[in-house]
Amino acid sequence: MNPANNPAALSPELRFSPAPEFTKNVGPIFGEGKSIAKVVKYVGLAAAHQSIVLLLGETGTGKGVIAKWIHENSDCKSEPFVELNCSNLKGSLMQSELFGHAKGAFTSAVNDREGLIEMADGGTLFLDEIGDMDLAAQAQLLKTIEDKSFRRVGESKLRKSNFRLICATNHDLAQESREKKFRADLFYRINVFPITVPPLRERSEDMQDLAYYFLKMFNYRQFPLSDEIIEMLKAYTWPGNVRELRNVLERACLLAQGEPLDRHHFPELSEPTAEESFDQETDNLELVENRHILKTMKKYHGDKRKSSQALGMSFSNLYRRLSKIEVPEMSL
């Protein structure tokens, strides 16, 4: 099967009305596995309706790609798709970005400015990493979702915006709402149509199709890949998920310089040396991922930005993972 040439053949579940058929790839969201087939079906349903969508899954699984595809295949596809990563802004900066501000609302507010909610009028507002949004902004967002009205920071005028909302997070919002880390009322409001995107380690049956999809993006022509390469890709745990797979394959193509890919083009996926070896039968998945994260951190001399890019993880997610890692023998 060749998903790059015939993506519609990968999603027969979407051929019923009113869900749209696939007319192009949804990036990494295709394959033969049962878990991803369910996602494909739900993505089609989400595009056919205007309900709030909550995309759940680890960093790098393709939630942003799904959000964009839903918008581009919905009734509001001709209107704006406005995206905000909620982990980048806090406090008044977050509120100003979302709701806009009036001139003089604060020191740097030298002009009136419309917020992303206003820009998304008629289109889609995609709030990525909504689990990182601070509680004050959550309260304001909840009211805006309920009646589609808002006020710019420092302004009394009530404004309207008829936007479609898609949210994404790698947090367990149900648990965080119970722990008062995320507003329970907001969680219940956005949890209308949840779609859980499986991590790459649970999609080994899709590995060859995914690898071919990305390699064709990089103009690689030496197909088919050897069984050894495919099995090596399947055996790896991919803590950075599909995003990391893309990065690894791009790097491998650069190293191969037009020659067929071989094991030595994947230095970070090769077998560990004797010094780095460990008992794989007793190590759990989290420890294996932690070792790879620390190995990558060591390679980039502790630079979190470069390490997060190499791993295909967001900086905030890498920071959280490092705060929980306890592997004394793998010190940086």
Protein backbone atom coordinates (compact mmCIF):
# COMPACT_ATOMS: atom_id res chain seq x y z
CA MET A 1 0.00 0.00 0.00
CA ASN A 2 1.25 3.46 -0.85
CA PRO A 3 -0.39 6.14 1.35
CA ALA A 4 1.32 8.98 -0.44
CA ASN A 5 -0.35 8.07 -3.72
CA ASN A 6 -3.76 6.87 -2.55
CA PRO A 7 -4.65 8.15 0.93
CA ALA A 8 -8.36 7.65 0.38
CA ALA A 9 -7.79 3.91 0.22
CA LEU A 10 -6.53 4.05 3.79
CA SER A 11 -9.76 5.38 5.23
CA PRO A 12 -12.82 3.46 4.01
CA GLU A 13 -14.54 4.29 7.30
CA LEU A 14 -14.88 7.89 6.15
CA ARG A 15 -16.87 7.10 3.02
CA PHE A 16 -20.24 7.35 4.70
CA SER A 17 -22.24 10.58 4.84
CA PRO A 18 -21.81 13.16 6.24
CA ALA A 19 -18.13 12.62 6.99
CA PRO A 20 -15.83 13.75 4.15
CA GLU A 21 -13.58 11.35 2.29
CA PHE A 22 -9.86 11.91 2.43
CA THR A 23 -8.69 13.84 -0.59
CA LYS A 24 -5.09 14.13 0.61
CA ASN A 25 -2.81 12.82 3.31
CA VAL A 26 -3.36 13.76 6.92
CA GLY A 27 0.38 13.73 7.45
CA PRO A 28 1.26 10.84 9.76
CA ILE A 29 -2.36 9.97 10.46
CA PHE A 30 -2.81 6.93 8.27
CA GLY A 31 -2.05 3.22 8.49
CA GLU A 32 -3.39 -0.29 8.89
CA GLY A 33 -3.49 -0.57 12.68
CA LYS A 34 -6.77 -0.66 14.58
CA SER A 35 -5.77 2.22 16.86
CA ILE A 36 -5.04 4.64 14.02
CA ALA A 37 -8.04 3.47 11.98
CA LYS A 38 -10.25 4.64 14.84
CA VAL A 39 -8.51 8.02 14.84
CA VAL A 40 -8.97 8.34 11.08
CA LYS A 41 -12.69 7.67 11.44
CA TYR A 42 -13.12 10.19 14.24
CA VAL A 43 -11.10 12.85 12.39
CA GLY A 44 -13.50 12.56 9.47
CA LEU A 45 -16.51 12.95 11.76
CA ALA A 46 -14.92 15.98 13.41
CA ALA A 47 -14.45 17.65 10.04
CA ALA A 48 -18.12 17.09 9.17
CA HIS A 49 -19.43 18.81 12.31
CA GLN A 50 -18.68 21.93 14.34
CA SER A 51 -18.42 20.33 17.80
CA ILE A 52 -15.46 21.18 20.03
CA VAL A 53 -12.64 18.67 19.51
CA LEU A 54 -10.11 17.70 22.20
CA LEU A 55 -7.00 15.99 20.79
CA LEU A 56 -5.19 13.89 23.37
CA GLY A 57 -1.80 12.25 23.09
CA GLU A 58 1.91 12.53 23.68
CA THR A 59 4.00 15.29 22.17
CA GLY A 60 4.92 14.62 18.55
CA THR A 61 2.03 12.30 17.68
CA GLY A 62 0.58 14.67 15.08
CA LYS A 63 -2.17 16.51 16.97
CA GLY A 64 -1.40 19.78 15.21
CA VAL A 65 -1.53 18.08 11.81
CA ILE A 66 -4.95 16.63 12.67
CA ALA A 67 -6.29 20.00 13.83
CA LYS A 68 -5.24 21.66 10.56
CA TRP A 69 -6.77 18.85 8.48
CA ILE A 70 -10.08 19.06 10.35
CA HIS A 71 -10.25 22.78 9.59
CA GLU A 72 -9.26 22.40 5.93
CA ASN A 73 -11.98 19.79 5.40
CA SER A 74 -14.75 21.57 7.31
CA ASP A 75 -17.39 24.10 6.28
CA CYS A 76 -15.17 26.91 7.59
CA LYS A 77 -12.12 25.95 5.49
CA SER A 78 -12.19 29.30 3.65
CA GLU A 79 -11.94 31.17 6.95
CA PRO A 80 -8.86 31.64 9.18
CA PHE A 81 -7.12 28.85 11.06
CA VAL A 82 -5.62 30.56 14.12
CA GLU A 83 -3.20 28.67 16.35
CA LEU A 84 -1.79 29.38 19.82
CA ASN A 85 0.63 27.28 21.84
CA CYS A 86 -0.53 27.84 25.40
CA SER A 87 2.78 26.74 26.93
CA ASN A 88 4.56 29.81 25.55
CA LEU A 89 2.59 32.53 27.35
CA LYS A 90 1.33 33.13 30.88
CA GLY A 91 -0.72 35.68 32.78
CA SER A 92 -1.53 38.99 31.12
CA LEU A 93 0.46 38.08 28.02
CA MET A 94 -1.76 35.05 27.46
CA GLN A 95 -4.94 37.08 27.99
CA SER A 96 -3.73 39.82 25.63
CA GLU A 97 -2.83 37.26 22.97
CA LEU A 98 -6.21 35.56 23.21
CA PHE A 99 -8.56 38.49 23.76
CA GLY A 100 -6.58 41.45 22.44
CA HIS A 101 -6.08 44.73 24.29
CA ALA A 102 -7.02 48.37 24.17
CA LYS A 103 -4.51 51.17 23.78
CA GLY A 104 -3.07 52.05 27.19
CA ALA A 105 -4.25 48.84 28.86
CA PHE A 106 -0.65 48.36 30.03
CA THR A 107 2.72 49.98 29.48
CA SER A 108 3.55 48.45 26.11
CA ALA A 109 0.00 48.70 24.74
CA VAL A 110 0.64 51.64 22.41
CA ASN A 111 -2.16 50.68 20.01
CA ASP A 112 -5.43 48.78 20.00
CA ARG A 113 -4.81 45.15 19.12
CA GLU A 114 -7.22 42.37 18.22
CA GLY A 115 -6.65 38.98 19.82
CA LEU A 116 -6.60 35.54 18.29
CA ILE A 117 -10.21 34.87 19.27
CA GLU A 118 -11.26 37.89 17.25
CA MET A 119 -9.07 36.83 14.32
CA ALA A 120 -10.66 33.38 14.33
CA ASP A 121 -14.17 34.72 13.79
CA GLY A 122 -15.89 32.40 11.30
CA GLY A 123 -12.93 30.01 11.32
CA THR A 124 -11.07 27.74 13.73
CA LEU A 125 -9.18 28.55 16.91
CA PHE A 126 -6.63 25.84 17.74
CA LEU A 127 -5.31 25.94 21.31
CA ASP A 128 -2.31 23.64 21.48
CA GLU A 129 -1.04 22.48 24.89
CA ILE A 130 -4.18 23.85 26.56
CA GLY A 131 -3.18 21.95 29.70
CA ASP A 132 -0.47 24.59 30.22
CA MET A 133 -2.94 27.51 30.21
CA ASP A 134 -3.04 29.35 33.55
CA LEU A 135 -6.23 29.28 35.60
CA ALA A 136 -7.11 32.96 35.12
CA ALA A 137 -7.09 32.65 31.35
CA GLN A 138 -9.05 29.39 31.65
CA ALA A 139 -11.86 31.21 33.45
CA GLN A 140 -12.10 33.86 30.74
CA LEU A 141 -11.94 31.26 27.98
CA LEU A 142 -14.80 29.28 29.52
CA LYS A 143 -17.11 32.30 29.38
CA THR A 144 -16.10 33.02 25.80
CA ILE A 145 -16.82 29.43 24.76
CA GLU A 146 -20.24 29.56 26.38
CA ASP A 147 -21.60 32.73 24.75
CA LYS A 148 -18.98 33.56 22.07
CA SER A 149 -18.43 36.97 23.67
CA PHE A 150 -15.31 38.58 25.12
CA ARG A 151 -13.71 41.86 26.04
CA ARG A 152 -10.27 43.06 25.08
CA VAL A 153 -7.94 43.67 28.00
CA GLY A 154 -8.56 47.21 29.29
CA GLU A 155 -11.79 47.65 27.34
CA SER A 156 -15.44 47.52 28.44
CA LYS A 157 -16.94 46.92 25.00
CA LEU A 158 -18.41 43.42 24.56
CA ARG A 159 -17.34 41.78 21.33
CA LYS A 160 -18.49 38.62 19.54
CA SER A 161 -16.58 35.92 17.68
CA ASN A 162 -18.18 32.85 16.13
CA PHE A 163 -15.23 30.46 16.06
CA ARG A 164 -14.86 26.69 16.02
CA LEU A 165 -12.62 25.43 18.84
CA ILE A 166 -10.06 22.62 18.66
CA CYS A 167 -7.83 21.94 21.67
CA ALA A 168 -4.85 19.63 22.14
CA THR A 169 -2.88 18.47 25.16
CA ASN A 170 -0.45 15.83 26.34
CA HIS A 171 -1.78 16.19 29.90
CA ASP A 172 -4.32 13.98 31.65
CA LEU A 173 -6.86 16.78 32.04
CA ALA A 174 -9.36 14.56 33.86
CA GLN A 175 -6.80 13.86 36.57
CA GLU A 176 -5.56 17.45 36.66
CA SER A 177 -9.11 18.74 37.05
CA ARG A 178 -9.53 16.47 40.08
CA GLU A 179 -6.27 17.86 41.49
CA LYS A 180 -7.46 21.47 40.86
CA LYS A 181 -4.61 22.04 38.40
CA PHE A 182 -7.06 22.53 35.54
CA ARG A 183 -10.57 23.96 35.80
CA ALA A 184 -13.07 21.10 35.91
CA ASP A 185 -15.81 23.19 34.29
CA LEU A 186 -13.54 24.04 31.37
CA PHE A 187 -12.49 20.40 30.99
CA TYR A 188 -16.12 19.28 30.79
CA ARG A 189 -16.84 22.04 28.26
CA ILE A 190 -14.01 21.16 25.86
CA ASN A 191 -14.29 17.38 26.29
CA VAL A 192 -17.13 17.18 23.75
CA PHE A 193 -15.45 15.03 21.11
CA PRO A 194 -12.13 13.66 22.42
CA ILE A 195 -9.75 11.92 20.01
CA THR A 196 -6.79 10.06 21.48
CA VAL A 197 -3.82 9.83 19.10
CA PRO A 198 -1.71 6.73 19.88
CA PRO A 199 2.06 7.02 20.38
CA LEU A 200 4.30 5.71 17.62
CA ARG A 201 5.50 2.77 19.72
CA GLU A 202 1.95 1.39 19.52
CA ARG A 203 1.88 1.67 15.73
CA SER A 204 4.64 -0.70 14.65
CA GLU A 205 2.43 -2.09 11.87
CA ASP A 206 2.39 1.40 10.31
CA MET A 207 6.16 1.94 10.51
CA GLN A 208 6.99 1.08 6.89
CA ASP A 209 4.24 3.30 5.46
CA LEU A 210 5.24 6.17 7.74
CA ALA A 211 8.93 5.78 6.87
CA TYR A 212 8.17 5.75 3.14
CA TYR A 213 5.89 8.78 3.49
CA PHE A 214 8.63 10.88 5.11
CA LEU A 215 11.45 9.57 2.94
CA LYS A 216 9.54 10.62 -0.19
CA MET A 217 9.25 14.09 1.33
CA PHE A 218 13.06 14.16 1.46
CA ASN A 219 13.36 12.92 -2.18
CA TYR A 220 14.85 9.60 -1.14
CA ARG A 221 14.64 7.10 -4.02
CA GLN A 222 16.37 3.91 -2.84
CA PHE A 223 13.30 1.77 -2.21
CA PRO A 224 12.48 -0.67 -0.77
CA LEU A 225 14.14 -0.30 2.62
CA SER A 226 15.84 -3.43 3.90
CA ASP A 227 14.05 -5.63 6.44
CA GLU A 228 16.88 -4.85 8.87
CA ILE A 229 16.14 -1.11 8.73
CA ILE A 230 12.38 -1.61 9.10
CA GLU A 231 12.85 -3.92 12.09
CA MET A 232 15.30 -1.47 13.68
CA LEU A 233 12.73 1.32 13.33
CA LYS A 234 10.02 -0.91 14.81
CA ALA A 235 12.19 -1.93 17.77
CA TYR A 236 12.94 1.64 18.86
CA THR A 237 10.60 3.23 21.44
CA TRP A 238 10.33 6.72 19.83
CA PRO A 239 9.86 9.01 22.86
CA GLY A 240 9.44 11.92 20.42
CA ASN A 241 6.90 9.93 18.37
CA VAL A 242 6.23 10.73 14.69
CA ARG A 243 8.05 14.05 14.93
CA GLU A 244 11.19 12.27 16.07
CA LEU A 245 10.81 9.68 13.29
CA ARG A 246 10.73 12.47 10.74
CA ASN A 247 13.85 14.08 12.22
CA VAL A 248 15.72 10.77 12.33
CA LEU A 249 14.86 9.92 8.72
CA GLU A 250 15.81 13.39 7.50
CA ARG A 251 19.17 13.09 9.25
CA ALA A 252 19.66 9.59 7.81
CA CYS A 253 19.00 10.88 4.28
CA LEU A 254 21.61 13.60 4.75
CA LEU A 255 24.15 11.05 5.97
CA ALA A 256 23.36 8.61 3.14
CA GLN A 257 23.95 11.25 0.41
CA GLY A 258 21.79 9.40 -2.12
CA GLU A 259 23.02 5.91 -1.23
CA PRO A 260 20.71 3.18 0.18
CA LEU A 261 20.04 3.64 3.89
CA ASP A 262 22.03 1.40 6.18
CA ARG A 263 22.20 0.88 9.95
CA HIS A 264 25.15 3.25 10.34
CA HIS A 265 22.97 6.10 9.02
CA PHE A 266 20.95 5.80 12.25
CA PRO A 267 23.64 6.27 14.93
CA GLU A 268 21.20 7.00 17.75
CA LEU A 269 19.16 3.87 17.01
CA SER A 270 22.10 1.47 16.80
CA GLU A 271 22.77 -1.19 19.38
CA PRO A 272 24.27 0.22 22.63
CA THR A 273 27.94 -0.26 23.35
CA ALA A 274 29.05 -2.55 26.17
CA GLU A 275 29.42 0.46 28.44
CA GLU A 276 25.89 1.63 27.68
CA SER A 277 24.22 -1.79 27.63
CA PHE A 278 21.49 -2.66 30.12
CA ASP A 279 19.07 -5.47 30.85
CA GLN A 280 16.24 -4.82 28.40
CA GLU A 281 14.09 -7.54 29.94
CA THR A 282 13.89 -5.78 33.28
CA ASP A 283 13.89 -2.16 32.12
CA ASN A 284 10.42 -0.68 31.72
CA LEU A 285 9.45 1.55 28.81
CA GLU A 286 9.74 4.79 30.76
CA LEU A 287 13.32 3.98 31.81
CA VAL A 288 14.30 3.14 28.22
CA GLU A 289 12.89 6.49 27.06
CA ASN A 290 14.60 8.32 29.92
CA ARG A 291 17.96 6.81 28.98
CA HIS A 292 17.55 7.98 25.40
CA ILE A 293 16.56 11.47 26.53
CA LEU A 294 19.63 11.72 28.75
CA LYS A 295 21.84 10.33 25.99
CA THR A 296 20.58 13.03 23.65
CA MET A 297 21.07 15.70 26.33
CA LYS A 298 24.65 14.52 26.74
CA LYS A 299 25.24 14.68 22.97
CA TYR A 300 24.12 18.33 22.94
CA HIS A 301 26.03 19.19 26.12
CA GLY A 302 22.88 19.82 28.16
CA ASP A 303 21.32 22.24 25.65
CA LYS A 304 17.58 21.65 26.15
CA ARG A 305 16.53 23.54 23.04
CA LYS A 306 18.74 21.50 20.70
CA SER A 307 17.88 18.28 22.53
CA SER A 308 14.13 18.88 22.29
CA GLN A 309 14.45 19.51 18.55
CA ALA A 310 16.48 16.33 18.03
CA LEU A 311 13.99 14.29 20.06
CA GLY A 312 10.98 15.82 18.34
CA MET A 313 9.61 16.95 21.71
CA SER A 314 8.40 20.38 22.75
CA PHE A 315 10.74 22.28 25.07
CA SER A 316 8.13 22.31 27.85
CA ASN A 317 7.55 18.56 27.60
CA LEU A 318 11.29 17.83 27.70
CA TYR A 319 11.61 20.10 30.75
CA ARG A 320 8.83 18.16 32.52
CA ARG A 321 10.37 14.80 31.62
CA LEU A 322 13.80 15.84 32.89
CA SER A 323 12.30 16.98 36.21
CA LYS A 324 11.00 13.45 36.78
CA ILE A 325 13.99 11.42 35.57
CA GLU A 326 16.03 9.63 38.21
CA VAL A 327 18.76 7.59 36.52
CA PRO A 328 21.92 8.29 38.54
CA GLU A 329 24.18 6.10 36.39
CA MET A 330 23.28 8.19 33.32
CA SER A 331 24.34 11.56 34.68
CA LEU A 332 25.12 14.32 32.22
